[in-house]
Amino acid sequence: MNIKKILKVISAIVAIAGVAAAVYLAIQKLTAPKEPEYFDDNDFFECDNEIEIVEAKDEDTAVEEAPKEEAPKKAAKKTAKKKAEKAE
């Protein structure tokens, strides 16, 4: 046999074995039982629970009323005029 033929056969066998291993690992990963993920409280930062309470003044919490817009009324008047003109 020729050395090139031997190398081609060996490389084909290695390629087939690689594909089979990839398929096997993919099936194992997809069909693995789902395990719940547990968290340790020490993994998170600690809170000292010393909350500072700040009282707001009455003036700061007052809500100003927004000025009423006149645009919708003007638009309604314009459409009423147009309807009256079309009716004539």
C-alpha atoms as a PDB file:
ATOM      1  CA  MET A   1       0.000   0.000   0.000  1.00  0.00           C
ATOM      2  CA  ASN A   2       0.968   3.518  -0.560  1.00  0.00           C
ATOM      3  CA  ILE A   3       1.691   5.781   2.443  1.00  0.00           C
ATOM      4  CA  LYS A   4      -0.750   8.414   1.140  1.00  0.00           C
ATOM      5  CA  LYS A   5      -3.590   5.882   1.110  1.00  0.00           C
ATOM      6  CA  ILE A   6      -2.779   4.829   4.676  1.00  0.00           C
ATOM      7  CA  LEU A   7      -2.796   8.434   5.881  1.00  0.00           C
ATOM      8  CA  LYS A   8      -6.137   9.070   4.111  1.00  0.00           C
ATOM      9  CA  VAL A   9      -7.718   6.033   5.789  1.00  0.00           C
ATOM     10  CA  ILE A  10      -6.373   7.042   9.218  1.00  0.00           C
ATOM     11  CA  SER A  11      -7.568  10.644   8.790  1.00  0.00           C
ATOM     12  CA  ALA A  12     -11.026   9.415   7.713  1.00  0.00           C
ATOM     13  CA  ILE A  13     -11.254   7.197  10.817  1.00  0.00           C
ATOM     14  CA  VAL A  14     -10.180  10.118  13.053  1.00  0.00           C
ATOM     15  CA  ALA A  15     -12.728  12.417  11.404  1.00  0.00           C
ATOM     16  CA  ILE A  16     -15.551   9.900  11.878  1.00  0.00           C
ATOM     17  CA  ALA A  17     -14.544   9.379  15.521  1.00  0.00           C
ATOM     18  CA  GLY A  18     -14.517  13.173  16.066  1.00  0.00           C
ATOM     19  CA  VAL A  19     -18.002  13.589  14.607  1.00  0.00           C
ATOM     20  CA  ALA A  20     -19.292  10.684  16.707  1.00  0.00           C
ATOM     21  CA  ALA A  21     -17.781  12.193  19.863  1.00  0.00           C
ATOM     22  CA  ALA A  22     -19.355  15.587  19.090  1.00  0.00           C
ATOM     23  CA  VAL A  23     -22.776  14.014  18.549  1.00  0.00           C
ATOM     24  CA  TYR A  24     -22.450  12.003  21.770  1.00  0.00           C
ATOM     25  CA  LEU A  25     -21.511  15.073  23.828  1.00  0.00           C
ATOM     26  CA  ALA A  26     -24.337  17.135  22.300  1.00  0.00           C
ATOM     27  CA  ILE A  27     -26.886  14.447  23.148  1.00  0.00           C
ATOM     28  CA  GLN A  28     -25.537  14.146  26.686  1.00  0.00           C
ATOM     29  CA  LYS A  29     -25.770  17.889  27.215  1.00  0.00           C
ATOM     30  CA  LEU A  30     -29.293  18.183  25.799  1.00  0.00           C
ATOM     31  CA  THR A  31     -30.699  15.232  27.726  1.00  0.00           C
ATOM     32  CA  ALA A  32     -28.981  15.960  31.059  1.00  0.00           C
ATOM     33  CA  PRO A  33     -31.388  16.287  34.002  1.00  0.00           C
ATOM     34  CA  LYS A  34     -32.015  19.870  35.032  1.00  0.00           C
ATOM     35  CA  GLU A  35     -30.443  20.651  38.393  1.00  0.00           C
ATOM     36  CA  PRO A  36     -31.717  23.612  40.397  1.00  0.00           C
ATOM     37  CA  GLU A  37     -29.222  26.403  40.893  1.00  0.00           C
ATOM     38  CA  TYR A  38     -28.744  27.321  44.524  1.00  0.00           C
ATOM     39  CA  PHE A  39     -27.353  30.668  45.619  1.00  0.00           C
ATOM     40  CA  ASP A  40     -25.332  31.240  48.743  1.00  0.00           C
ATOM     41  CA  ASP A  41     -26.256  34.352  50.699  1.00  0.00           C
ATOM     42  CA  ASN A  42     -22.575  35.066  51.223  1.00  0.00           C
ATOM     43  CA  ASP A  43     -22.130  35.571  47.485  1.00  0.00           C
ATOM     44  CA  PHE A  44     -24.073  38.814  47.636  1.00  0.00           C
ATOM     45  CA  PHE A  45     -23.066  42.041  49.326  1.00  0.00           C
ATOM     46  CA  GLU A  46     -24.099  42.544  52.908  1.00  0.00           C
ATOM     47  CA  CYS A  47     -26.560  45.256  53.847  1.00  0.00           C
ATOM     48  CA  ASP A  48     -26.111  46.996  57.179  1.00  0.00           C
ATOM     49  CA  ASN A  49     -29.807  48.007  57.317  1.00  0.00           C
ATOM     50  CA  GLU A  50     -28.938  51.499  58.531  1.00  0.00           C
ATOM     51  CA  ILE A  51     -31.293  53.441  56.314  1.00  0.00           C
ATOM     52  CA  GLU A  52     -31.178  57.197  56.557  1.00  0.00           C
ATOM     53  CA  ILE A  53     -34.640  58.750  56.593  1.00  0.00           C
ATOM     54  CA  VAL A  54     -34.828  62.201  55.063  1.00  0.00           C
ATOM     55  CA  GLU A  55     -38.000  64.189  55.527  1.00  0.00           C
ATOM     56  CA  ALA A  56     -38.973  66.477  52.687  1.00  0.00           C
ATOM     57  CA  LYS A  57     -40.338  69.948  53.235  1.00  0.00           C
ATOM     58  CA  ASP A  58     -43.916  70.669  52.238  1.00  0.00           C
ATOM     59  CA  GLU A  59     -42.726  73.182  49.653  1.00  0.00           C
ATOM     60  CA  ASP A  60     -40.579  70.592  47.890  1.00  0.00           C
ATOM     61  CA  THR A  61     -43.428  68.152  47.431  1.00  0.00           C
ATOM     62  CA  ALA A  62     -45.941  70.650  46.029  1.00  0.00           C
ATOM     63  CA  VAL A  63     -47.001  69.788  42.494  1.00  0.00           C
ATOM     64  CA  GLU A  64     -47.544  72.655  40.136  1.00  0.00           C
ATOM     65  CA  GLU A  65     -50.479  72.339  37.813  1.00  0.00           C
ATOM     66  CA  ALA A  66     -49.633  72.494  34.159  1.00  0.00           C
ATOM     67  CA  PRO A  67     -51.353  75.250  32.171  1.00  0.00           C
ATOM     68  CA  LYS A  68     -54.292  74.013  30.169  1.00  0.00           C
ATOM     69  CA  GLU A  69     -53.653  73.753  26.479  1.00  0.00           C
ATOM     70  CA  GLU A  70     -55.869  75.652  24.079  1.00  0.00           C
ATOM     71  CA  ALA A  71     -54.835  73.646  21.007  1.00  0.00           C
ATOM     72  CA  PRO A  72     -57.563  70.967  21.163  1.00  0.00           C
ATOM     73  CA  LYS A  73     -60.278  73.617  21.349  1.00  0.00           C
ATOM     74  CA  LYS A  74     -58.886  75.478  18.355  1.00  0.00           C
ATOM     75  CA  ALA A  75     -58.684  72.268  16.389  1.00  0.00           C
ATOM     76  CA  ALA A  76     -62.289  71.468  17.253  1.00  0.00           C
ATOM     77  CA  LYS A  77     -63.382  74.919  16.070  1.00  0.00           C
ATOM     78  CA  LYS A  78     -61.494  74.496  12.785  1.00  0.00           C
ATOM     79  CA  THR A  79     -63.078  71.134  12.094  1.00  0.00           C
ATOM     80  CA  ALA A  80     -66.511  72.541  12.920  1.00  0.00           C
ATOM     81  CA  LYS A  81     -65.934  75.369  10.427  1.00  0.00           C
ATOM     82  CA  LYS A  82     -64.809  72.920   7.750  1.00  0.00           C
ATOM     83  CA  LYS A  83     -67.863  70.745   8.290  1.00  0.00           C
ATOM     84  CA  ALA A  84     -70.110  73.782   8.036  1.00  0.00           C
ATOM     85  CA  GLU A  85     -68.428  74.841   4.776  1.00  0.00           C
ATOM     86  CA  LYS A  86     -68.795  71.358   3.292  1.00  0.00           C
ATOM     87  CA  ALA A  87     -72.451  71.211   4.296  1.00  0.00           C
ATOM     88  CA  GLU A  88     -73.145  74.377   2.276  1.00  0.00           C
END
